[in-house]
Amino acid sequence: MAAKKPGASLNDIAAAGGTSHTNVRRALVSAFPTLVGKGRSTIPHDMGELLAKAFKGKALARSTGQMLREDPAAVLTAAEALAELARRALEDQGKKEPAASAA
């Protein structure tokens, strides 16, 4: 996503994440219902960037959003395990971890 803005539109997130506005909205409604609703056209920019990265990596879907709402600790545990598996896969392929993932 481009320059820092006070908010990110669902269309911005969808474009950056390679998905549709509908998929972004569904995931947000499942995970963070207070962020999308009547009269809300943007969400916080940093949240938008995180969502776009998750969509781009094919790691976010409506069911993930539901899990985030119901048991965020389980999602965090799974994400940490998946990150470690990805590091090991990169190592196995003789590649270094991308600098962007260090954030």
PDB file of N, CA and C in Angstrom:
ATOM      1  N   MET A   1       0.844  -1.157   0.000  1.00  0.00           N
ATOM      2  CA  MET A   1       0.000   0.000   0.000  1.00  0.00           C
ATOM      3  C   MET A   1       0.896   1.228   0.000  1.00  0.00           C
ATOM      4  N   ALA A   2       0.449   2.255  -0.598  1.00  0.00           N
ATOM      5  CA  ALA A   2       1.264   3.449  -0.851  1.00  0.00           C
ATOM      6  C   ALA A   2       1.587   4.222   0.419  1.00  0.00           C
ATOM      7  N   ALA A   3       1.635   5.523   0.307  1.00  0.00           N
ATOM      8  CA  ALA A   3       2.039   6.407   1.404  1.00  0.00           C
ATOM      9  C   ALA A   3       1.156   6.214   2.627  1.00  0.00           C
ATOM     10  N   LYS A   4       1.728   6.562   3.775  1.00  0.00           N
ATOM     11  CA  LYS A   4       0.989   6.440   5.035  1.00  0.00           C
ATOM     12  C   LYS A   4      -0.245   7.335   5.003  1.00  0.00           C
ATOM     13  N   LYS A   5      -1.391   6.760   5.301  1.00  0.00           N
ATOM     14  CA  LYS A   5      -2.646   7.485   5.353  1.00  0.00           C
ATOM     15  C   LYS A   5      -3.273   7.223   6.711  1.00  0.00           C
ATOM     16  N   PRO A   6      -4.215   8.070   7.105  1.00  0.00           N
ATOM     17  CA  PRO A   6      -4.868   7.818   8.381  1.00  0.00           C
ATOM     18  C   PRO A   6      -5.728   6.555   8.350  1.00  0.00           C
ATOM     19  N   GLY A   7      -6.176   6.159   7.176  1.00  0.00           N
ATOM     20  CA  GLY A   7      -7.009   4.974   7.077  1.00  0.00           C
ATOM     21  C   GLY A   7      -6.840   4.291   5.742  1.00  0.00           C
ATOM     22  N   ALA A   8      -7.211   3.027   5.707  1.00  0.00           N
ATOM     23  CA  ALA A   8      -7.144   2.242   4.474  1.00  0.00           C
ATOM     24  C   ALA A   8      -8.550   1.791   4.113  1.00  0.00           C
ATOM     25  N   SER A   9      -8.910   1.954   2.852  1.00  0.00           N
ATOM     26  CA  SER A   9     -10.230   1.502   2.428  1.00  0.00           C
ATOM     27  C   SER A   9     -10.172   0.004   2.160  1.00  0.00           C
ATOM     28  N   LEU A  10     -11.319  -0.622   2.187  1.00  0.00           N
ATOM     29  CA  LEU A  10     -11.375  -2.052   1.897  1.00  0.00           C
ATOM     30  C   LEU A  10     -10.905  -2.323   0.473  1.00  0.00           C
ATOM     31  N   ASN A  11     -11.185  -1.388  -0.439  1.00  0.00           N
ATOM     32  CA  ASN A  11     -10.705  -1.543  -1.815  1.00  0.00           C
ATOM     33  C   ASN A  11      -9.185  -1.472  -1.884  1.00  0.00           C
ATOM     34  N   ASP A  12      -8.572  -0.567  -1.096  1.00  0.00           N
ATOM     35  CA  ASP A  12      -7.105  -0.475  -1.045  1.00  0.00           C
ATOM     36  C   ASP A  12      -6.504  -1.787  -0.558  1.00  0.00           C
ATOM     37  N   ILE A  13      -7.090  -2.321   0.505  1.00  0.00           N
ATOM     38  CA  ILE A  13      -6.599  -3.574   1.075  1.00  0.00           C
ATOM     39  C   ILE A  13      -6.749  -4.703   0.067  1.00  0.00           C
ATOM     40  N   ALA A  14      -7.899  -4.763  -0.583  1.00  0.00           N
ATOM     41  CA  ALA A  14      -8.151  -5.814  -1.570  1.00  0.00           C
ATOM     42  C   ALA A  14      -7.141  -5.748  -2.708  1.00  0.00           C
ATOM     43  N   ALA A  15      -6.888  -4.541  -3.211  1.00  0.00           N
ATOM     44  CA  ALA A  15      -5.937  -4.389  -4.322  1.00  0.00           C
ATOM     45  C   ALA A  15      -4.533  -4.799  -3.891  1.00  0.00           C
ATOM     46  N   ALA A  16      -4.107  -4.362  -2.721  1.00  0.00           N
ATOM     47  CA  ALA A  16      -2.763  -4.689  -2.247  1.00  0.00           C
ATOM     48  C   ALA A  16      -2.637  -6.168  -1.897  1.00  0.00           C
ATOM     49  N   GLY A  17      -3.740  -6.783  -1.482  1.00  0.00           N
ATOM     50  CA  GLY A  17      -3.706  -8.181  -1.076  1.00  0.00           C
ATOM     51  C   GLY A  17      -4.055  -9.164  -2.172  1.00  0.00           C
ATOM     52  N   GLY A  18      -4.398  -8.648  -3.343  1.00  0.00           N
ATOM     53  CA  GLY A  18      -4.732  -9.535  -4.455  1.00  0.00           C
ATOM     54  C   GLY A  18      -6.016 -10.317  -4.230  1.00  0.00           C
ATOM     55  N   THR A  19      -6.989  -9.673  -3.612  1.00  0.00           N
ATOM     56  CA  THR A  19      -8.261 -10.335  -3.349  1.00  0.00           C
ATOM     57  C   THR A  19      -9.400  -9.368  -3.653  1.00  0.00           C
ATOM     58  N   SER A  20     -10.593  -9.734  -3.293  1.00  0.00           N
ATOM     59  CA  SER A  20     -11.740  -8.873  -3.572  1.00  0.00           C
ATOM     60  C   SER A  20     -12.163  -8.085  -2.339  1.00  0.00           C
ATOM     61  N   HIS A  21     -12.865  -7.010  -2.586  1.00  0.00           N
ATOM     62  CA  HIS A  21     -13.444  -6.192  -1.524  1.00  0.00           C
ATOM     63  C   HIS A  21     -14.332  -7.077  -0.644  1.00  0.00           C
ATOM     64  N   THR A  22     -15.086  -7.963  -1.260  1.00  0.00           N
ATOM     65  CA  THR A  22     -15.993  -8.848  -0.522  1.00  0.00           C
ATOM     66  C   THR A  22     -15.221  -9.752   0.433  1.00  0.00           C
ATOM     67  N   ASN A  23     -14.103 -10.320  -0.029  1.00  0.00           N
ATOM     68  CA  ASN A  23     -13.304 -11.186   0.844  1.00  0.00           C
ATOM     69  C   ASN A  23     -12.735 -10.409   2.022  1.00  0.00           C
ATOM     70  N   VAL A  24     -12.283  -9.188   1.766  1.00  0.00           N
ATOM     71  CA  VAL A  24     -11.747  -8.350   2.845  1.00  0.00           C
ATOM     72  C   VAL A  24     -12.851  -8.052   3.846  1.00  0.00           C
ATOM     73  N   ARG A  25     -13.995  -7.650   3.354  1.00  0.00           N
ATOM     74  CA  ARG A  25     -15.116  -7.310   4.234  1.00  0.00           C
ATOM     75  C   ARG A  25     -15.545  -8.514   5.066  1.00  0.00           C
ATOM     76  N   ARG A  26     -15.647  -9.679   4.444  1.00  0.00           N
ATOM     77  CA  ARG A  26     -16.058 -10.881   5.173  1.00  0.00           C
ATOM     78  C   ARG A  26     -15.068 -11.236   6.275  1.00  0.00           C
ATOM     79  N   ALA A  27     -13.783 -11.174   5.961  1.00  0.00           N
ATOM     80  CA  ALA A  27     -12.771 -11.486   6.974  1.00  0.00           C
ATOM     81  C   ALA A  27     -12.822 -10.483   8.118  1.00  0.00           C
ATOM     82  N   LEU A  28     -12.977  -9.207   7.779  1.00  0.00           N
ATOM     83  CA  LEU A  28     -13.048  -8.179   8.818  1.00  0.00           C
ATOM     84  C   LEU A  28     -14.295  -8.322   9.686  1.00  0.00           C
ATOM     85  N   VAL A  29     -15.411  -8.586   9.066  1.00  0.00           N
ATOM     86  CA  VAL A  29     -16.648  -8.749   9.830  1.00  0.00           C
ATOM     87  C   VAL A  29     -16.514  -9.928  10.779  1.00  0.00           C
ATOM     88  N   SER A  30     -15.839 -10.990  10.327  1.00  0.00           N
ATOM     89  CA  SER A  30     -15.648 -12.161  11.175  1.00  0.00           C
ATOM     90  C   SER A  30     -14.711 -11.885  12.332  1.00  0.00           C
ATOM     91  N   ALA A  31     -13.606 -11.201  12.068  1.00  0.00           N
ATOM     92  CA  ALA A  31     -12.574 -11.004  13.089  1.00  0.00           C
ATOM     93  C   ALA A  31     -12.767  -9.738  13.919  1.00  0.00           C
ATOM     94  N   PHE A  32     -13.091  -8.654  13.254  1.00  0.00           N
ATOM     95  CA  PHE A  32     -13.160  -7.340  13.907  1.00  0.00           C
ATOM     96  C   PHE A  32     -14.434  -6.619  13.508  1.00  0.00           C
ATOM     97  N   PRO A  33     -15.581  -7.086  13.976  1.00  0.00           N
ATOM     98  CA  PRO A  33     -16.848  -6.498  13.531  1.00  0.00           C
ATOM     99  C   PRO A  33     -16.979  -5.013  13.827  1.00  0.00           C
ATOM    100  N   THR A  34     -16.281  -4.517  14.828  1.00  0.00           N
ATOM    101  CA  THR A  34     -16.398  -3.089  15.146  1.00  0.00           C
ATOM    102  C   THR A  34     -15.652  -2.208  14.155  1.00  0.00           C
ATOM    103  N   LEU A  35     -14.762  -2.804  13.356  1.00  0.00           N
ATOM    104  CA  LEU A  35     -14.008  -2.015  12.385  1.00  0.00           C
ATOM    105  C   LEU A  35     -14.783  -1.740  11.107  1.00  0.00           C
ATOM    106  N   VAL A  36     -15.754  -2.562  10.814  1.00  0.00           N
ATOM    107  CA  VAL A  36     -16.550  -2.350   9.604  1.00  0.00           C
ATOM    108  C   VAL A  36     -18.007  -2.259  10.011  1.00  0.00           C
ATOM    109  N   GLY A  37     -18.641  -1.298   9.474  1.00  0.00           N
ATOM    110  CA  GLY A  37     -20.045  -1.128   9.805  1.00  0.00           C
ATOM    111  C   GLY A  37     -20.588   0.104   9.141  1.00  0.00           C
ATOM    112  N   LYS A  38     -21.777   0.410   9.473  1.00  0.00           N
ATOM    113  CA  LYS A  38     -22.457   1.548   8.882  1.00  0.00           C
ATOM    114  C   LYS A  38     -21.667   2.831   9.127  1.00  0.00           C
ATOM    115  N   GLY A  39     -21.364   3.531   8.068  1.00  0.00           N
ATOM    116  CA  GLY A  39     -20.671   4.794   8.170  1.00  0.00           C
ATOM    117  C   GLY A  39     -19.154   4.695   8.244  1.00  0.00           C
ATOM    118  N   ARG A  40     -18.613   3.497   8.287  1.00  0.00           N
ATOM    119  CA  ARG A  40     -17.154   3.323   8.357  1.00  0.00           C
ATOM    120  C   ARG A  40     -16.651   2.953   6.973  1.00  0.00           C
ATOM    121  N   SER A  41     -15.836   3.807   6.396  1.00  0.00           N
ATOM    122  CA  SER A  41     -15.329   3.527   5.054  1.00  0.00           C
ATOM    123  C   SER A  41     -13.845   3.161   5.071  1.00  0.00           C
ATOM    124  N   THR A  42     -13.173   3.377   6.199  1.00  0.00           N
ATOM    125  CA  THR A  42     -11.760   3.026   6.289  1.00  0.00           C
ATOM    126  C   THR A  42     -11.486   2.352   7.625  1.00  0.00           C
ATOM    127  N   ILE A  43     -10.354   1.659   7.677  1.00  0.00           N
ATOM    128  CA  ILE A  43      -9.872   1.092   8.931  1.00  0.00           C
ATOM    129  C   ILE A  43      -8.476   1.659   9.156  1.00  0.00           C
ATOM    130  N   PRO A  44      -7.914   1.513  10.338  1.00  0.00           N
ATOM    131  CA  PRO A  44      -6.574   2.048  10.575  1.00  0.00           C
ATOM    132  C   PRO A  44      -5.569   1.528   9.545  1.00  0.00           C
ATOM    133  N   HIS A  45      -4.709   2.428   9.084  1.00  0.00           N
ATOM    134  CA  HIS A  45      -3.769   2.104   8.016  1.00  0.00           C
ATOM    135  C   HIS A  45      -2.878   0.910   8.356  1.00  0.00           C
ATOM    136  N   ASP A  46      -2.352   0.859   9.579  1.00  0.00           N
ATOM    137  CA  ASP A  46      -1.464  -0.247   9.943  1.00  0.00           C
ATOM    138  C   ASP A  46      -2.209  -1.577   9.911  1.00  0.00           C
ATOM    139  N   MET A  47      -3.470  -1.588  10.320  1.00  0.00           N
ATOM    140  CA  MET A  47      -4.280  -2.803  10.255  1.00  0.00           C
ATOM    141  C   MET A  47      -4.509  -3.182   8.791  1.00  0.00           C
ATOM    142  N   GLY A  48      -4.726  -2.188   7.947  1.00  0.00           N
ATOM    143  CA  GLY A  48      -4.916  -2.456   6.520  1.00  0.00           C
ATOM    144  C   GLY A  48      -3.698  -3.105   5.891  1.00  0.00           C
ATOM    145  N   GLU A  49      -2.510  -2.623   6.253  1.00  0.00           N
ATOM    146  CA  GLU A  49      -1.278  -3.219   5.711  1.00  0.00           C
ATOM    147  C   GLU A  49      -1.121  -4.661   6.163  1.00  0.00           C
ATOM    148  N   LEU A  50      -1.412  -4.931   7.430  1.00  0.00           N
ATOM    149  CA  LEU A  50      -1.314  -6.302   7.931  1.00  0.00           C
ATOM    150  C   LEU A  50      -2.296  -7.220   7.213  1.00  0.00           C
ATOM    151  N   LEU A  51      -3.503  -6.752   7.033  1.00  0.00           N
ATOM    152  CA  LEU A  51      -4.507  -7.551   6.325  1.00  0.00           C
ATOM    153  C   LEU A  51      -4.089  -7.822   4.886  1.00  0.00           C
ATOM    154  N   ALA A  52      -3.578  -6.790   4.210  1.00  0.00           N
ATOM    155  CA  ALA A  52      -3.151  -6.961   2.818  1.00  0.00           C
ATOM    156  C   ALA A  52      -2.047  -8.010   2.726  1.00  0.00           C
ATOM    157  N   LYS A  53      -1.082  -7.958   3.648  1.00  0.00           N
ATOM    158  CA  LYS A  53       0.003  -8.950   3.647  1.00  0.00           C
ATOM    159  C   LYS A  53      -0.536 -10.353   3.884  1.00  0.00           C
ATOM    160  N   ALA A  54      -1.483 -10.475   4.802  1.00  0.00           N
ATOM    161  CA  ALA A  54      -2.061 -11.788   5.090  1.00  0.00           C
ATOM    162  C   ALA A  54      -2.828 -12.331   3.887  1.00  0.00           C
ATOM    163  N   PHE A  55      -3.588 -11.467   3.213  1.00  0.00           N
ATOM    164  CA  PHE A  55      -4.304 -11.908   2.019  1.00  0.00           C
ATOM    165  C   PHE A  55      -3.332 -12.272   0.903  1.00  0.00           C
ATOM    166  N   LYS A  56      -2.314 -11.449   0.718  1.00  0.00           N
ATOM    167  CA  LYS A  56      -1.348 -11.700  -0.343  1.00  0.00           C
ATOM    168  C   LYS A  56      -0.640 -13.042  -0.125  1.00  0.00           C
ATOM    169  N   GLY A  57      -0.381 -13.382   1.119  1.00  0.00           N
ATOM    170  CA  GLY A  57       0.259 -14.653   1.446  1.00  0.00           C
ATOM    171  C   GLY A  57      -0.717 -15.817   1.511  1.00  0.00           C
ATOM    172  N   LYS A  58      -1.959 -15.570   1.124  1.00  0.00           N
ATOM    173  CA  LYS A  58      -3.011 -16.595   1.125  1.00  0.00           C
ATOM    174  C   LYS A  58      -3.227 -17.177   2.521  1.00  0.00           C
ATOM    175  N   ALA A  59      -3.020 -16.348   3.544  1.00  0.00           N
ATOM    176  CA  ALA A  59      -3.112 -16.827   4.918  1.00  0.00           C
ATOM    177  C   ALA A  59      -4.359 -16.339   5.646  1.00  0.00           C
ATOM    178  N   LEU A  60      -5.225 -15.622   4.955  1.00  0.00           N
ATOM    179  CA  LEU A  60      -6.401 -15.089   5.628  1.00  0.00           C
ATOM    180  C   LEU A  60      -7.645 -15.396   4.825  1.00  0.00           C
ATOM    181  N   ALA A  61      -8.631 -15.908   5.525  1.00  0.00           N
ATOM    182  CA  ALA A  61      -9.927 -16.201   4.928  1.00  0.00           C
ATOM    183  C   ALA A  61     -10.991 -15.912   5.981  1.00  0.00           C
ATOM    184  N   ARG A  62     -12.228 -16.038   5.602  1.00  0.00           N
ATOM    185  CA  ARG A  62     -13.319 -15.769   6.533  1.00  0.00           C
ATOM    186  C   ARG A  62     -13.202 -16.653   7.772  1.00  0.00           C
ATOM    187  N   SER A  63     -12.842 -17.925   7.580  1.00  0.00           N
ATOM    188  CA  SER A  63     -12.726 -18.827   8.729  1.00  0.00           C
ATOM    189  C   SER A  63     -11.601 -18.389   9.662  1.00  0.00           C
ATOM    190  N   THR A  64     -10.514 -17.846   9.102  1.00  0.00           N
ATOM    191  CA  THR A  64      -9.432 -17.337   9.933  1.00  0.00           C
ATOM    192  C   THR A  64      -9.934 -16.162  10.754  1.00  0.00           C
ATOM    193  N   GLY A  65     -10.739 -15.334  10.144  1.00  0.00           N
ATOM    194  CA  GLY A  65     -11.321 -14.210  10.856  1.00  0.00           C
ATOM    195  C   GLY A  65     -12.173 -14.665  12.025  1.00  0.00           C
ATOM    196  N   GLN A  66     -12.957 -15.715  11.817  1.00  0.00           N
ATOM    197  CA  GLN A  66     -13.776 -16.257  12.900  1.00  0.00           C
ATOM    198  C   GLN A  66     -12.892 -16.793  14.017  1.00  0.00           C
ATOM    199  N   MET A  67     -11.805 -17.455  13.654  1.00  0.00           N
ATOM    200  CA  MET A  67     -10.885 -17.984  14.662  1.00  0.00           C
ATOM    201  C   MET A  67     -10.223 -16.846  15.432  1.00  0.00           C
ATOM    202  N   LEU A  68      -9.896 -15.743  14.741  1.00  0.00           N
ATOM    203  CA  LEU A  68      -9.308 -14.587  15.415  1.00  0.00           C
ATOM    204  C   LEU A  68     -10.256 -14.033  16.472  1.00  0.00           C
ATOM    205  N   ARG A  69     -11.520 -14.020  16.161  1.00  0.00           N
ATOM    206  CA  ARG A  69     -12.498 -13.506  17.121  1.00  0.00           C
ATOM    207  C   ARG A  69     -12.689 -14.483  18.279  1.00  0.00           C
ATOM    208  N   GLU A  70     -12.766 -15.777  17.981  1.00  0.00           N
ATOM    209  CA  GLU A  70     -13.087 -16.774  18.996  1.00  0.00           C
ATOM    210  C   GLU A  70     -11.893 -17.175  19.860  1.00  0.00           C
ATOM    211  N   ASP A  71     -10.716 -17.312  19.263  1.00  0.00           N
ATOM    212  CA  ASP A  71      -9.551 -17.769  20.016  1.00  0.00           C
ATOM    213  C   ASP A  71      -8.262 -17.200  19.423  1.00  0.00           C
ATOM    214  N   PRO A  72      -8.016 -15.899  19.629  1.00  0.00           N
ATOM    215  CA  PRO A  72      -6.835 -15.286  19.037  1.00  0.00           C
ATOM    216  C   PRO A  72      -5.526 -15.921  19.505  1.00  0.00           C
ATOM    217  N   ALA A  73      -5.500 -16.462  20.710  1.00  0.00           N
ATOM    218  CA  ALA A  73      -4.272 -17.105  21.203  1.00  0.00           C
ATOM    219  C   ALA A  73      -3.929 -18.340  20.371  1.00  0.00           C
ATOM    220  N   ALA A  74      -4.931 -19.101  19.982  1.00  0.00           N
ATOM    221  CA  ALA A  74      -4.691 -20.284  19.155  1.00  0.00           C
ATOM    222  C   ALA A  74      -4.185 -19.882  17.773  1.00  0.00           C
ATOM    223  N   VAL A  75      -4.716 -18.797  17.240  1.00  0.00           N
ATOM    224  CA  VAL A  75      -4.257 -18.313  15.938  1.00  0.00           C
ATOM    225  C   VAL A  75      -2.807 -17.859  16.037  1.00  0.00           C
ATOM    226  N   LEU A  76      -2.461 -17.170  17.110  1.00  0.00           N
ATOM    227  CA  LEU A  76      -1.085 -16.719  17.304  1.00  0.00           C
ATOM    228  C   LEU A  76      -0.133 -17.907  17.413  1.00  0.00           C
ATOM    229  N   THR A  77      -0.499 -18.904  18.165  1.00  0.00           N
ATOM    230  CA  THR A  77       0.327 -20.108  18.291  1.00  0.00           C
ATOM    231  C   THR A  77       0.526 -20.767  16.931  1.00  0.00           C
ATOM    232  N   ALA A  78      -0.551 -20.877  16.170  1.00  0.00           N
ATOM    233  CA  ALA A  78      -0.456 -21.485  14.842  1.00  0.00           C
ATOM    234  C   ALA A  78       0.398 -20.638  13.907  1.00  0.00           C
ATOM    235  N   ALA A  79       0.263 -19.329  13.993  1.00  0.00           N
ATOM    236  CA  ALA A  79       1.041 -18.434  13.128  1.00  0.00           C
ATOM    237  C   ALA A  79       2.528 -18.525  13.456  1.00  0.00           C
ATOM    238  N   GLU A  80       2.848 -18.588  14.735  1.00  0.00           N
ATOM    239  CA  GLU A  80       4.255 -18.716  15.124  1.00  0.00           C
ATOM    240  C   GLU A  80       4.834 -20.039  14.630  1.00  0.00           C
ATOM    241  N   ALA A  81       4.055 -21.099  14.741  1.00  0.00           N
ATOM    242  CA  ALA A  81       4.512 -22.401  14.253  1.00  0.00           C
ATOM    243  C   ALA A  81       4.688 -22.375  12.740  1.00  0.00           C
ATOM    244  N   LEU A  82       3.748 -21.769  12.047  1.00  0.00           N
ATOM    245  CA  LEU A  82       3.839 -21.672  10.590  1.00  0.00           C
ATOM    246  C   LEU A  82       5.044 -20.841  10.168  1.00  0.00           C
ATOM    247  N   ALA A  83       5.319 -19.755  10.897  1.00  0.00           N
ATOM    248  CA  ALA A  83       6.489 -18.929  10.591  1.00  0.00           C
ATOM    249  C   ALA A  83       7.772 -19.734  10.754  1.00  0.00           C
ATOM    250  N   GLU A  84       7.855 -20.529  11.803  1.00  0.00           N
ATOM    251  CA  GLU A  84       9.047 -21.357  12.015  1.00  0.00           C
ATOM    252  C   GLU A  84       9.176 -22.412  10.905  1.00  0.00           C
ATOM    253  N   LEU A  85       8.063 -23.004  10.518  1.00  0.00           N
ATOM    254  CA  LEU A  85       8.110 -23.976   9.416  1.00  0.00           C
ATOM    255  C   LEU A  85       8.570 -23.310   8.116  1.00  0.00           C
ATOM    256  N   ALA A  86       8.103 -22.092   7.877  1.00  0.00           N
ATOM    257  CA  ALA A  86       8.522 -21.366   6.674  1.00  0.00           C
ATOM    258  C   ALA A  86      10.015 -21.060   6.720  1.00  0.00           C
ATOM    259  N   ARG A  87      10.528 -20.661   7.890  1.00  0.00           N
ATOM    260  CA  ARG A  87      11.971 -20.412   8.033  1.00  0.00           C
ATOM    261  C   ARG A  87      12.769 -21.676   7.724  1.00  0.00           C
ATOM    262  N   ARG A  88      12.300 -22.798   8.249  1.00  0.00           N
ATOM    263  CA  ARG A  88      13.002 -24.062   8.016  1.00  0.00           C
ATOM    264  C   ARG A  88      12.927 -24.484   6.555  1.00  0.00           C
ATOM    265  N   ALA A  89      11.800 -24.224   5.907  1.00  0.00           N
ATOM    266  CA  ALA A  89      11.672 -24.542   4.485  1.00  0.00           C
ATOM    267  C   ALA A  89      12.631 -23.695   3.661  1.00  0.00           C
ATOM    268  N   LEU A  90      12.734 -22.400   4.008  1.00  0.00           N
ATOM    269  CA  LEU A  90      13.684 -21.526   3.312  1.00  0.00           C
ATOM    270  C   LEU A  90      15.113 -22.006   3.530  1.00  0.00           C
ATOM    271  N   GLU A  91      15.417 -22.389   4.760  1.00  0.00           N
ATOM    272  CA  GLU A  91      16.751 -22.892   5.089  1.00  0.00           C
ATOM    273  C   GLU A  91      17.049 -24.166   4.295  1.00  0.00           C
ATOM    274  N   ASP A  92      16.063 -25.029   4.221  1.00  0.00           N
ATOM    275  CA  ASP A  92      16.211 -26.280   3.484  1.00  0.00           C
ATOM    276  C   ASP A  92      16.463 -26.025   2.000  1.00  0.00           C
ATOM    277  N   GLN A  93      15.902 -24.956   1.494  1.00  0.00           N
ATOM    278  CA  GLN A  93      16.081 -24.592   0.086  1.00  0.00           C
ATOM    279  C   GLN A  93      17.331 -23.750  -0.119  1.00  0.00           C
ATOM    280  N   GLY A  94      18.062 -23.493   0.971  1.00  0.00           N
ATOM    281  CA  GLY A  94      19.289 -22.697   0.872  1.00  0.00           C
ATOM    282  C   GLY A  94      19.042 -21.218   0.685  1.00  0.00           C
ATOM    283  N   LYS A  95      17.881 -20.752   1.108  1.00  0.00           N
ATOM    284  CA  LYS A  95      17.543 -19.343   0.963  1.00  0.00           C
ATOM    285  C   LYS A  95      17.513 -18.695   2.331  1.00  0.00           C
ATOM    286  N   LYS A  96      17.760 -17.398   2.327  1.00  0.00           N
ATOM    287  CA  LYS A  96      17.697 -16.640   3.575  1.00  0.00           C
ATOM    288  C   LYS A  96      16.285 -16.097   3.760  1.00  0.00           C
ATOM    289  N   GLU A  97      15.959 -15.836   5.030  1.00  0.00           N
ATOM    290  CA  GLU A  97      14.674 -15.249   5.353  1.00  0.00           C
ATOM    291  C   GLU A  97      14.566 -13.865   4.749  1.00  0.00           C
ATOM    292  N   PRO A  98      13.457 -13.524   4.102  1.00  0.00           N
ATOM    293  CA  PRO A  98      13.290 -12.190   3.537  1.00  0.00           C
ATOM    294  C   PRO A  98      13.368 -11.120   4.626  1.00  0.00           C
ATOM    295  N   ALA A  99      14.000 -10.013   4.324  1.00  0.00           N
ATOM    296  CA  ALA A  99      14.167  -8.916   5.281  1.00  0.00           C
ATOM    297  C   ALA A  99      12.823  -8.387   5.748  1.00  0.00           C
ATOM    298  N   ALA A 100      11.832  -8.364   4.881  1.00  0.00           N
ATOM    299  CA  ALA A 100      10.519  -7.806   5.231  1.00  0.00           C
ATOM    300  C   ALA A 100       9.829  -8.624   6.330  1.00  0.00           C
ATOM    301  N   SER A 101      10.151  -9.902   6.452  1.00  0.00           N
ATOM    302  CA  SER A 101       9.468 -10.728   7.448  1.00  0.00           C
ATOM    303  C   SER A 101      10.029 -10.512   8.846  1.00  0.00           C
ATOM    304  N   ALA A 102      11.133  -9.797   8.966  1.00  0.00           N
ATOM    305  CA  ALA A 102      11.726  -9.546  10.269  1.00  0.00           C
ATOM    306  C   ALA A 102      10.895  -8.561  11.083  1.00  0.00           C
ATOM    307  N   ALA A 103      10.008  -7.809  10.413  1.00  0.00           N
ATOM    308  CA  ALA A 103       9.186  -6.800  11.115  1.00  0.00           C
ATOM    309  C   ALA A 103       8.074  -7.431  11.877  1.00  0.00           C
TER     310      ALA A 103
END
